[in-house]
Amino acid sequence: MKTIKKFCLIFGSHSGRYENKIKKSGLIPTFLDDIPCFYQSNLVLICKKLYRQDLTPSCFFNKDLDEKWYPLKDYHCMYVSEIEHVYTKEQKRALITFVLIKTF
């Protein structure tokens, strides 16, 4: 849990524009199905995007959430996706090992 908090603090409070958040976190990037993920992850979901929509202030049922989380009105985008593949830590490591062996 301590490690997860560390990653959340780095990724949730630093801009990738001014520093390399991945390098700072110590995570090791890799690929599954040509999709980037992290070697340390316990679970990887490979998804296909189906729908995208910008969040808008008028759609908040609780207006306090808009003021609390978006004081600068810098709204996120919401995605709906279909899960195509699920990799557990063991499956992912076996696949990554295979890809590395195949590459060399």
PDB file of N, CA and C in Angstrom:
ATOM      1  N   MET A   1       0.822  -1.196   0.000  1.00  0.00           N
ATOM      2  CA  MET A   1       0.000   0.000   0.000  1.00  0.00           C
ATOM      3  C   MET A   1       0.867   1.263   0.000  1.00  0.00           C
ATOM      4  N   LYS A   2       1.995   1.204   0.690  1.00  0.00           N
ATOM      5  CA  LYS A   2       2.894   2.351   0.742  1.00  0.00           C
ATOM      6  C   LYS A   2       3.397   2.712  -0.654  1.00  0.00           C
ATOM      7  N   THR A   3       3.714   1.688  -1.458  1.00  0.00           N
ATOM      8  CA  THR A   3       4.206   1.902  -2.815  1.00  0.00           C
ATOM      9  C   THR A   3       3.135   2.541  -3.683  1.00  0.00           C
ATOM     10  N   ILE A   4       1.902   2.079  -3.547  1.00  0.00           N
ATOM     11  CA  ILE A   4       0.798   2.643  -4.328  1.00  0.00           C
ATOM     12  C   ILE A   4       0.617   4.118  -3.996  1.00  0.00           C
ATOM     13  N   LYS A   5       0.707   4.468  -2.728  1.00  0.00           N
ATOM     14  CA  LYS A   5       0.578   5.874  -2.328  1.00  0.00           C
ATOM     15  C   LYS A   5       1.681   6.720  -2.963  1.00  0.00           C
ATOM     16  N   LYS A   6       2.897   6.156  -3.015  1.00  0.00           N
ATOM     17  CA  LYS A   6       4.035   6.863  -3.626  1.00  0.00           C
ATOM     18  C   LYS A   6       3.729   7.173  -5.095  1.00  0.00           C
ATOM     19  N   PHE A   7       3.237   6.162  -5.831  1.00  0.00           N
ATOM     20  CA  PHE A   7       2.925   6.361  -7.241  1.00  0.00           C
ATOM     21  C   PHE A   7       1.795   7.368  -7.419  1.00  0.00           C
ATOM     22  N   CYS A   8       0.776   7.276  -6.578  1.00  0.00           N
ATOM     23  CA  CYS A   8      -0.357   8.212  -6.677  1.00  0.00           C
ATOM     24  C   CYS A   8       0.097   9.644  -6.420  1.00  0.00           C
ATOM     25  N   LEU A   9       0.990   9.822  -5.466  1.00  0.00           N
ATOM     26  CA  LEU A   9       1.502  11.168  -5.185  1.00  0.00           C
ATOM     27  C   LEU A   9       2.288  11.719  -6.371  1.00  0.00           C
ATOM     28  N   ILE A  10       3.109  10.882  -6.970  1.00  0.00           N
ATOM     29  CA  ILE A  10       3.920  11.337  -8.111  1.00  0.00           C
ATOM     30  C   ILE A  10       3.031  11.619  -9.319  1.00  0.00           C
ATOM     31  N   PHE A  11       2.184  10.657  -9.693  1.00  0.00           N
ATOM     32  CA  PHE A  11       1.388  10.808 -10.908  1.00  0.00           C
ATOM     33  C   PHE A  11       0.228  11.775 -10.728  1.00  0.00           C
ATOM     34  N   GLY A  12      -0.244  11.940  -9.501  1.00  0.00           N
ATOM     35  CA  GLY A  12      -1.393  12.817  -9.283  1.00  0.00           C
ATOM     36  C   GLY A  12      -1.054  14.259  -8.986  1.00  0.00           C
ATOM     37  N   SER A  13       0.221  14.553  -8.742  1.00  0.00           N
ATOM     38  CA  SER A  13       0.545  15.924  -8.338  1.00  0.00           C
ATOM     39  C   SER A  13       1.677  16.561  -9.135  1.00  0.00           C
ATOM     40  N   HIS A  14       2.249  15.857 -10.079  1.00  0.00           N
ATOM     41  CA  HIS A  14       3.342  16.402 -10.887  1.00  0.00           C
ATOM     42  C   HIS A  14       2.925  16.441 -12.353  1.00  0.00           C
ATOM     43  N   SER A  15       3.403  17.440 -13.044  1.00  0.00           N
ATOM     44  CA  SER A  15       3.123  17.553 -14.468  1.00  0.00           C
ATOM     45  C   SER A  15       4.194  16.822 -15.268  1.00  0.00           C
ATOM     46  N   GLY A  16       3.766  16.018 -16.219  1.00  0.00           N
ATOM     47  CA  GLY A  16       4.705  15.330 -17.100  1.00  0.00           C
ATOM     48  C   GLY A  16       5.358  16.280 -18.086  1.00  0.00           C
ATOM     49  N   ARG A  17       4.850  17.481 -18.154  1.00  0.00           N
ATOM     50  CA  ARG A  17       5.410  18.482 -19.058  1.00  0.00           C
ATOM     51  C   ARG A  17       6.782  18.962 -18.587  1.00  0.00           C
ATOM     52  N   TYR A  18       6.969  18.966 -17.249  1.00  0.00           N
ATOM     53  CA  TYR A  18       8.188  19.543 -16.691  1.00  0.00           C
ATOM     54  C   TYR A  18       9.164  18.518 -16.127  1.00  0.00           C
ATOM     55  N   GLU A  19       8.728  17.280 -15.995  1.00  0.00           N
ATOM     56  CA  GLU A  19       9.616  16.246 -15.484  1.00  0.00           C
ATOM     57  C   GLU A  19       9.157  14.875 -15.982  1.00  0.00           C
ATOM     58  N   ASN A  20      10.048  13.902 -15.916  1.00  0.00           N
ATOM     59  CA  ASN A  20       9.741  12.545 -16.346  1.00  0.00           C
ATOM     60  C   ASN A  20       9.163  11.785 -15.148  1.00  0.00           C
ATOM     61  N   LYS A  21       7.817  11.721 -15.076  1.00  0.00           N
ATOM     62  CA  LYS A  21       7.159  11.093 -13.935  1.00  0.00           C
ATOM     63  C   LYS A  21       7.450   9.598 -13.876  1.00  0.00           C
ATOM     64  N   ILE A  22       7.550   8.958 -15.003  1.00  0.00           N
ATOM     65  CA  ILE A  22       7.801   7.511 -15.016  1.00  0.00           C
ATOM     66  C   ILE A  22       9.188   7.223 -14.439  1.00  0.00           C
ATOM     67  N   LYS A  23      10.178   7.976 -14.872  1.00  0.00           N
ATOM     68  CA  LYS A  23      11.535   7.782 -14.357  1.00  0.00           C
ATOM     69  C   LYS A  23      11.583   8.069 -12.858  1.00  0.00           C
ATOM     70  N   LYS A  24      10.919   9.125 -12.444  1.00  0.00           N
ATOM     71  CA  LYS A  24      10.905   9.506 -11.034  1.00  0.00           C
ATOM     72  C   LYS A  24      10.228   8.437 -10.176  1.00  0.00           C
ATOM     73  N   SER A  25       9.237   7.763 -10.722  1.00  0.00           N
ATOM     74  CA  SER A  25       8.495   6.755  -9.965  1.00  0.00           C
ATOM     75  C   SER A  25       9.276   5.453  -9.791  1.00  0.00           C
ATOM     76  N   GLY A  26      10.214   5.186 -10.699  1.00  0.00           N
ATOM     77  CA  GLY A  26      10.953   3.933 -10.646  1.00  0.00           C
ATOM     78  C   GLY A  26      10.248   2.787 -11.362  1.00  0.00           C
ATOM     79  N   LEU A  27       9.106   3.076 -11.984  1.00  0.00           N
ATOM     80  CA  LEU A  27       8.398   2.038 -12.732  1.00  0.00           C
ATOM     81  C   LEU A  27       9.164   1.687 -14.007  1.00  0.00           C
ATOM     82  N   ILE A  28       9.045   0.439 -14.440  1.00  0.00           N
ATOM     83  CA  ILE A  28       9.733  -0.028 -15.637  1.00  0.00           C
ATOM     84  C   ILE A  28       8.713  -0.203 -16.756  1.00  0.00           C
ATOM     85  N   PRO A  29       8.752   0.643 -17.777  1.00  0.00           N
ATOM     86  CA  PRO A  29       7.803   0.517 -18.887  1.00  0.00           C
ATOM     87  C   PRO A  29       8.098  -0.716 -19.739  1.00  0.00           C
ATOM     88  N   THR A  30       7.033  -1.327 -20.239  1.00  0.00           N
ATOM     89  CA  THR A  30       7.147  -2.462 -21.144  1.00  0.00           C
ATOM     90  C   THR A  30       5.912  -2.452 -22.045  1.00  0.00           C
ATOM     91  N   PHE A  31       5.739  -3.459 -22.880  1.00  0.00           N
ATOM     92  CA  PHE A  31       4.595  -3.506 -23.798  1.00  0.00           C
ATOM     93  C   PHE A  31       3.943  -4.879 -23.792  1.00  0.00           C
ATOM     94  N   LEU A  32       2.634  -4.906 -23.885  1.00  0.00           N
ATOM     95  CA  LEU A  32       1.838  -6.113 -24.103  1.00  0.00           C
ATOM     96  C   LEU A  32       0.892  -5.807 -25.255  1.00  0.00           C
ATOM     97  N   ASP A  33       0.850  -6.652 -26.249  1.00  0.00           N
ATOM     98  CA  ASP A  33       0.000  -6.411 -27.424  1.00  0.00           C
ATOM     99  C   ASP A  33       0.281  -5.032 -28.029  1.00  0.00           C
ATOM    100  N   ASP A  34       1.544  -4.616 -28.004  1.00  0.00           N
ATOM    101  CA  ASP A  34       1.972  -3.289 -28.500  1.00  0.00           C
ATOM    102  C   ASP A  34       1.356  -2.136 -27.714  1.00  0.00           C
ATOM    103  N   ILE A  35       0.883  -2.402 -26.505  1.00  0.00           N
ATOM    104  CA  ILE A  35       0.285  -1.387 -25.633  1.00  0.00           C
ATOM    105  C   ILE A  35       1.233  -1.184 -24.449  1.00  0.00           C
ATOM    106  N   PRO A  36       1.561   0.083 -24.111  1.00  0.00           N
ATOM    107  CA  PRO A  36       2.461   0.303 -22.983  1.00  0.00           C
ATOM    108  C   PRO A  36       1.809  -0.057 -21.649  1.00  0.00           C
ATOM    109  N   CYS A  37       2.618  -0.621 -20.762  1.00  0.00           N
ATOM    110  CA  CYS A  37       2.186  -0.905 -19.389  1.00  0.00           C
ATOM    111  C   CYS A  37       3.451  -0.924 -18.529  1.00  0.00           C
ATOM    112  N   PHE A  38       3.303  -1.259 -17.262  1.00  0.00           N
ATOM    113  CA  PHE A  38       4.462  -1.289 -16.366  1.00  0.00           C
ATOM    114  C   PHE A  38       4.739  -2.712 -15.911  1.00  0.00           C
ATOM    115  N   TYR A  39       6.011  -3.073 -15.881  1.00  0.00           N
ATOM    116  CA  TYR A  39       6.442  -4.407 -15.493  1.00  0.00           C
ATOM    117  C   TYR A  39       5.941  -4.764 -14.092  1.00  0.00           C
ATOM    118  N   GLN A  40       5.878  -3.805 -13.184  1.00  0.00           N
ATOM    119  CA  GLN A  40       5.500  -4.056 -11.799  1.00  0.00           C
ATOM    120  C   GLN A  40       3.998  -4.264 -11.595  1.00  0.00           C
ATOM    121  N   SER A  41       3.187  -4.021 -12.598  1.00  0.00           N
ATOM    122  CA  SER A  41       1.734  -4.103 -12.406  1.00  0.00           C
ATOM    123  C   SER A  41       1.286  -5.536 -12.136  1.00  0.00           C
ATOM    124  N   ASN A  42       0.310  -5.678 -11.253  1.00  0.00           N
ATOM    125  CA  ASN A  42      -0.249  -6.986 -10.925  1.00  0.00           C
ATOM    126  C   ASN A  42      -1.316  -7.415 -11.927  1.00  0.00           C
ATOM    127  N   LEU A  43      -1.918  -6.455 -12.576  1.00  0.00           N
ATOM    128  CA  LEU A  43      -3.009  -6.730 -13.510  1.00  0.00           C
ATOM    129  C   LEU A  43      -2.950  -5.700 -14.633  1.00  0.00           C
ATOM    130  N   VAL A  44      -3.093  -6.145 -15.868  1.00  0.00           N
ATOM    131  CA  VAL A  44      -3.114  -5.241 -17.023  1.00  0.00           C
ATOM    132  C   VAL A  44      -4.393  -5.525 -17.810  1.00  0.00           C
ATOM    133  N   LEU A  45      -5.157  -4.484 -18.071  1.00  0.00           N
ATOM    134  CA  LEU A  45      -6.350  -4.589 -18.902  1.00  0.00           C
ATOM    135  C   LEU A  45      -6.051  -3.948 -20.246  1.00  0.00           C
ATOM    136  N   ILE A  46      -6.222  -4.687 -21.324  1.00  0.00           N
ATOM    137  CA  ILE A  46      -6.073  -4.146 -22.667  1.00  0.00           C
ATOM    138  C   ILE A  46      -7.495  -3.849 -23.153  1.00  0.00           C
ATOM    139  N   CYS A  47      -7.767  -2.582 -23.432  1.00  0.00           N
ATOM    140  CA  CYS A  47      -9.132  -2.160 -23.746  1.00  0.00           C
ATOM    141  C   CYS A  47      -9.213  -1.491 -25.117  1.00  0.00           C
ATOM    142  N   LYS A  48     -10.397  -1.560 -25.694  1.00  0.00           N
ATOM    143  CA  LYS A  48     -10.692  -0.856 -26.944  1.00  0.00           C
ATOM    144  C   LYS A  48     -11.634   0.291 -26.597  1.00  0.00           C
ATOM    145  N   LYS A  49     -11.252   1.515 -26.992  1.00  0.00           N
ATOM    146  CA  LYS A  49     -12.102   2.674 -26.718  1.00  0.00           C
ATOM    147  C   LYS A  49     -13.369   2.605 -27.570  1.00  0.00           C
ATOM    148  N   LEU A  50     -14.510   2.835 -26.917  1.00  0.00           N
ATOM    149  CA  LEU A  50     -15.792   2.824 -27.618  1.00  0.00           C
ATOM    150  C   LEU A  50     -16.441   4.200 -27.662  1.00  0.00           C
ATOM    151  N   TYR A  51     -16.170   5.019 -26.628  1.00  0.00           N
ATOM    152  CA  TYR A  51     -16.868   6.299 -26.511  1.00  0.00           C
ATOM    153  C   TYR A  51     -16.023   7.254 -25.678  1.00  0.00           C
ATOM    154  N   ARG A  52     -16.040   8.530 -26.054  1.00  0.00           N
ATOM    155  CA  ARG A  52     -15.314   9.579 -25.319  1.00  0.00           C
ATOM    156  C   ARG A  52     -16.207  10.798 -25.199  1.00  0.00           C
ATOM    157  N   GLN A  53     -16.189  11.404 -24.012  1.00  0.00           N
ATOM    158  CA  GLN A  53     -16.963  12.632 -23.818  1.00  0.00           C
ATOM    159  C   GLN A  53     -16.280  13.497 -22.769  1.00  0.00           C
ATOM    160  N   ASP A  54     -16.226  14.794 -23.034  1.00  0.00           N
ATOM    161  CA  ASP A  54     -15.688  15.728 -22.047  1.00  0.00           C
ATOM    162  C   ASP A  54     -16.687  15.879 -20.907  1.00  0.00           C
ATOM    163  N   LEU A  55     -16.168  15.948 -19.675  1.00  0.00           N
ATOM    164  CA  LEU A  55     -17.036  16.243 -18.539  1.00  0.00           C
ATOM    165  C   LEU A  55     -17.486  17.701 -18.645  1.00  0.00           C
ATOM    166  N   THR A  56     -18.726  17.942 -18.299  1.00  0.00           N
ATOM    167  CA  THR A  56     -19.261  19.311 -18.346  1.00  0.00           C
ATOM    168  C   THR A  56     -19.918  19.653 -17.015  1.00  0.00           C
ATOM    169  N   PRO A  57     -19.822  20.907 -16.598  1.00  0.00           N
ATOM    170  CA  PRO A  57     -20.359  21.316 -15.300  1.00  0.00           C
ATOM    171  C   PRO A  57     -21.859  21.036 -15.155  1.00  0.00           C
ATOM    172  N   SER A  58     -22.601  21.165 -16.208  1.00  0.00           N
ATOM    173  CA  SER A  58     -24.056  20.995 -16.123  1.00  0.00           C
ATOM    174  C   SER A  58     -24.471  19.552 -15.823  1.00  0.00           C
ATOM    175  N   CYS A  59     -23.564  18.604 -16.008  1.00  0.00           N
ATOM    176  CA  CYS A  59     -23.906  17.191 -15.790  1.00  0.00           C
ATOM    177  C   CYS A  59     -23.623  16.701 -14.371  1.00  0.00           C
ATOM    178  N   PHE A  60     -23.010  17.518 -13.529  1.00  0.00           N
ATOM    179  CA  PHE A  60     -22.769  17.123 -12.143  1.00  0.00           C
ATOM    180  C   PHE A  60     -24.075  17.201 -11.361  1.00  0.00           C
ATOM    181  N   PHE A  61     -24.473  16.096 -10.743  1.00  0.00           N
ATOM    182  CA  PHE A  61     -25.651  16.121  -9.877  1.00  0.00           C
ATOM    183  C   PHE A  61     -25.336  16.874  -8.594  1.00  0.00           C
ATOM    184  N   ASN A  62     -24.141  16.659  -8.080  1.00  0.00           N
ATOM    185  CA  ASN A  62     -23.685  17.349  -6.880  1.00  0.00           C
ATOM    186  C   ASN A  62     -22.746  18.467  -7.325  1.00  0.00           C
ATOM    187  N   LYS A  63     -23.242  19.688  -7.333  1.00  0.00           N
ATOM    188  CA  LYS A  63     -22.461  20.836  -7.826  1.00  0.00           C
ATOM    189  C   LYS A  63     -21.214  21.112  -6.991  1.00  0.00           C
ATOM    190  N   ASP A  64     -21.206  20.636  -5.740  1.00  0.00           N
ATOM    191  CA  ASP A  64     -20.027  20.823  -4.892  1.00  0.00           C
ATOM    192  C   ASP A  64     -18.811  20.080  -5.458  1.00  0.00           C
ATOM    193  N   LEU A  65     -19.050  18.965  -6.129  1.00  0.00           N
ATOM    194  CA  LEU A  65     -17.943  18.205  -6.721  1.00  0.00           C
ATOM    195  C   LEU A  65     -17.247  19.005  -7.810  1.00  0.00           C
ATOM    196  N   ASP A  66     -18.036  19.729  -8.584  1.00  0.00           N
ATOM    197  CA  ASP A  66     -17.462  20.576  -9.642  1.00  0.00           C
ATOM    198  C   ASP A  66     -16.538  21.618  -9.025  1.00  0.00           C
ATOM    199  N   GLU A  67     -17.009  22.285  -7.991  1.00  0.00           N
ATOM    200  CA  GLU A  67     -16.206  23.326  -7.348  1.00  0.00           C
ATOM    201  C   GLU A  67     -14.985  22.749  -6.634  1.00  0.00           C
ATOM    202  N   LYS A  68     -15.157  21.584  -6.015  1.00  0.00           N
ATOM    203  CA  LYS A  68     -14.059  20.980  -5.254  1.00  0.00           C
ATOM    204  C   LYS A  68     -12.953  20.445  -6.162  1.00  0.00           C
ATOM    205  N   TRP A  69     -13.315  19.693  -7.193  1.00  0.00           N
ATOM    206  CA  TRP A  69     -12.325  19.003  -8.001  1.00  0.00           C
ATOM    207  C   TRP A  69     -11.917  19.756  -9.264  1.00  0.00           C
ATOM    208  N   TYR A  70     -12.697  20.719  -9.678  1.00  0.00           N
ATOM    209  CA  TYR A  70     -12.380  21.461 -10.914  1.00  0.00           C
ATOM    210  C   TYR A  70     -12.463  22.979 -10.712  1.00  0.00           C
ATOM    211  N   PRO A  71     -11.743  23.524  -9.725  1.00  0.00           N
ATOM    212  CA  PRO A  71     -11.806  24.970  -9.500  1.00  0.00           C
ATOM    213  C   PRO A  71     -11.266  25.773 -10.687  1.00  0.00           C
ATOM    214  N   LEU A  72     -10.374  25.154 -11.464  1.00  0.00           N
ATOM    215  CA  LEU A  72      -9.808  25.829 -12.636  1.00  0.00           C
ATOM    216  C   LEU A  72     -10.584  25.515 -13.915  1.00  0.00           C
ATOM    217  N   LYS A  73     -11.659  24.733 -13.765  1.00  0.00           N
ATOM    218  CA  LYS A  73     -12.513  24.334 -14.907  1.00  0.00           C
ATOM    219  C   LYS A  73     -11.712  23.567 -15.965  1.00  0.00           C
ATOM    220  N   ASP A  74     -10.717  22.802 -15.510  1.00  0.00           N
ATOM    221  CA  ASP A  74      -9.880  21.983 -16.395  1.00  0.00           C
ATOM    222  C   ASP A  74     -10.400  20.540 -16.380  1.00  0.00           C
ATOM    223  N   TYR A  75     -11.524  20.339 -17.007  1.00  0.00           N
ATOM    224  CA  TYR A  75     -12.257  19.082 -16.935  1.00  0.00           C
ATOM    225  C   TYR A  75     -11.556  17.934 -17.652  1.00  0.00           C
ATOM    226  N   HIS A  76     -11.756  16.739 -17.099  1.00  0.00           N
ATOM    227  CA  HIS A  76     -11.233  15.504 -17.695  1.00  0.00           C
ATOM    228  C   HIS A  76     -12.152  15.025 -18.816  1.00  0.00           C
ATOM    229  N   CYS A  77     -11.685  14.018 -19.529  1.00  0.00           N
ATOM    230  CA  CYS A  77     -12.514  13.322 -20.510  1.00  0.00           C
ATOM    231  C   CYS A  77     -12.914  11.980 -19.902  1.00  0.00           C
ATOM    232  N   MET A  78     -14.098  11.533 -20.210  1.00  0.00           N
ATOM    233  CA  MET A  78     -14.568  10.239 -19.741  1.00  0.00           C
ATOM    234  C   MET A  78     -14.569   9.277 -20.927  1.00  0.00           C
ATOM    235  N   TYR A  79     -14.121   8.051 -20.681  1.00  0.00           N
ATOM    236  CA  TYR A  79     -14.084   7.034 -21.730  1.00  0.00           C
ATOM    237  C   TYR A  79     -14.909   5.823 -21.319  1.00  0.00           C
ATOM    238  N   VAL A  80     -15.547   5.226 -22.291  1.00  0.00           N
ATOM    239  CA  VAL A  80     -16.180   3.925 -22.119  1.00  0.00           C
ATOM    240  C   VAL A  80     -15.391   2.986 -23.021  1.00  0.00           C
ATOM    241  N   SER A  81     -15.004   1.848 -22.476  1.00  0.00           N
ATOM    242  CA  SER A  81     -14.186   0.937 -23.271  1.00  0.00           C
ATOM    243  C   SER A  81     -14.616  -0.509 -23.069  1.00  0.00           C
ATOM    244  N   GLU A  82     -14.172  -1.337 -23.990  1.00  0.00           N
ATOM    245  CA  GLU A  82     -14.432  -2.774 -23.934  1.00  0.00           C
ATOM    246  C   GLU A  82     -13.125  -3.475 -23.587  1.00  0.00           C
ATOM    247  N   ILE A  83     -13.160  -4.329 -22.578  1.00  0.00           N
ATOM    248  CA  ILE A  83     -11.963  -5.067 -22.191  1.00  0.00           C
ATOM    249  C   ILE A  83     -11.734  -6.192 -23.197  1.00  0.00           C
ATOM    250  N   GLU A  84     -10.577  -6.160 -23.835  1.00  0.00           N
ATOM    251  CA  GLU A  84     -10.249  -7.187 -24.829  1.00  0.00           C
ATOM    252  C   GLU A  84      -9.378  -8.301 -24.253  1.00  0.00           C
ATOM    253  N   HIS A  85      -8.455  -7.944 -23.359  1.00  0.00           N
ATOM    254  CA  HIS A  85      -7.562  -8.933 -22.736  1.00  0.00           C
ATOM    255  C   HIS A  85      -7.301  -8.532 -21.297  1.00  0.00           C
ATOM    256  N   VAL A  86      -7.160  -9.540 -20.445  1.00  0.00           N
ATOM    257  CA  VAL A  86      -6.786  -9.326 -19.051  1.00  0.00           C
ATOM    258  C   VAL A  86      -5.545 -10.174 -18.783  1.00  0.00           C
ATOM    259  N   TYR A  87      -4.497  -9.527 -18.296  1.00  0.00           N
ATOM    260  CA  TYR A  87      -3.267 -10.236 -17.975  1.00  0.00           C
ATOM    261  C   TYR A  87      -2.993 -10.125 -16.481  1.00  0.00           C
ATOM    262  N   THR A  88      -2.785 -11.272 -15.840  1.00  0.00           N
ATOM    263  CA  THR A  88      -2.367 -11.266 -14.441  1.00  0.00           C
ATOM    264  C   THR A  88      -0.854 -11.115 -14.411  1.00  0.00           C
ATOM    265  N   LYS A  89      -0.317 -10.925 -13.245  1.00  0.00           N
ATOM    266  CA  LYS A  89       1.128 -10.740 -13.103  1.00  0.00           C
ATOM    267  C   LYS A  89       1.902 -11.918 -13.710  1.00  0.00           C
ATOM    268  N   GLU A  90       1.452 -13.143 -13.441  1.00  0.00           N
ATOM    269  CA  GLU A  90       2.156 -14.325 -13.949  1.00  0.00           C
ATOM    270  C   GLU A  90       2.073 -14.401 -15.481  1.00  0.00           C
ATOM    271  N   GLN A  91       0.898 -14.175 -16.035  1.00  0.00           N
ATOM    272  CA  GLN A  91       0.746 -14.220 -17.495  1.00  0.00           C
ATOM    273  C   GLN A  91       1.576 -13.137 -18.163  1.00  0.00           C
ATOM    274  N   LYS A  92       1.553 -11.953 -17.577  1.00  0.00           N
ATOM    275  CA  LYS A  92       2.270 -10.817 -18.140  1.00  0.00           C
ATOM    276  C   LYS A  92       3.777 -11.080 -18.135  1.00  0.00           C
ATOM    277  N   ARG A  93       4.308 -11.555 -17.029  1.00  0.00           N
ATOM    278  CA  ARG A  93       5.750 -11.816 -16.940  1.00  0.00           C
ATOM    279  C   ARG A  93       6.175 -12.890 -17.931  1.00  0.00           C
ATOM    280  N   ALA A  94       5.344 -13.922 -18.083  1.00  0.00           N
ATOM    281  CA  ALA A  94       5.665 -14.982 -19.050  1.00  0.00           C
ATOM    282  C   ALA A  94       5.672 -14.412 -20.462  1.00  0.00           C
ATOM    283  N   LEU A  95       4.707 -13.569 -20.784  1.00  0.00           N
ATOM    284  CA  LEU A  95       4.634 -12.966 -22.114  1.00  0.00           C
ATOM    285  C   LEU A  95       5.815 -12.048 -22.365  1.00  0.00           C
ATOM    286  N   ILE A  96       6.149 -11.223 -21.388  1.00  0.00           N
ATOM    287  CA  ILE A  96       7.274 -10.286 -21.532  1.00  0.00           C
ATOM    288  C   ILE A  96       8.569 -11.059 -21.709  1.00  0.00           C
ATOM    289  N   THR A  97       8.759 -12.128 -20.935  1.00  0.00           N
ATOM    290  CA  THR A  97       9.945 -12.961 -21.066  1.00  0.00           C
ATOM    291  C   THR A  97      10.023 -13.556 -22.463  1.00  0.00           C
ATOM    292  N   PHE A  98       8.893 -14.040 -22.976  1.00  0.00           N
ATOM    293  CA  PHE A  98       8.848 -14.600 -24.333  1.00  0.00           C
ATOM    294  C   PHE A  98       9.221 -13.557 -25.375  1.00  0.00           C
ATOM    295  N   VAL A  99       8.683 -12.364 -25.236  1.00  0.00           N
ATOM    296  CA  VAL A  99       8.979 -11.294 -26.191  1.00  0.00           C
ATOM    297  C   VAL A  99      10.456 -10.940 -26.151  1.00  0.00           C
ATOM    298  N   LEU A 100      11.031 -10.861 -24.961  1.00  0.00           N
ATOM    299  CA  LEU A 100      12.458 -10.538 -24.850  1.00  0.00           C
ATOM    300  C   LEU A 100      13.322 -11.630 -25.483  1.00  0.00           C
ATOM    301  N   ILE A 101      12.962 -12.883 -25.245  1.00  0.00           N
ATOM    302  CA  ILE A 101      13.717 -13.991 -25.836  1.00  0.00           C
ATOM    303  C   ILE A 101      13.561 -13.963 -27.357  1.00  0.00           C
ATOM    304  N   LYS A 102      12.356 -13.725 -27.826  1.00  0.00           N
ATOM    305  CA  LYS A 102      12.075 -13.694 -29.256  1.00  0.00           C
ATOM    306  C   LYS A 102      12.813 -12.542 -29.942  1.00  0.00           C
ATOM    307  N   THR A 103      12.961 -11.422 -29.245  1.00  0.00           N
ATOM    308  CA  THR A 103      13.585 -10.237 -29.815  1.00  0.00           C
ATOM    309  C   THR A 103      15.082 -10.448 -30.036  1.00  0.00           C
ATOM    310  N   PHE A 104      15.741 -11.158 -29.151  1.00  0.00           N
ATOM    311  CA  PHE A 104      17.189 -11.290 -29.233  1.00  0.00           C
ATOM    312  C   PHE A 104      17.596 -12.491 -29.970  1.00  0.00           C
TER     313      PHE A 104
END
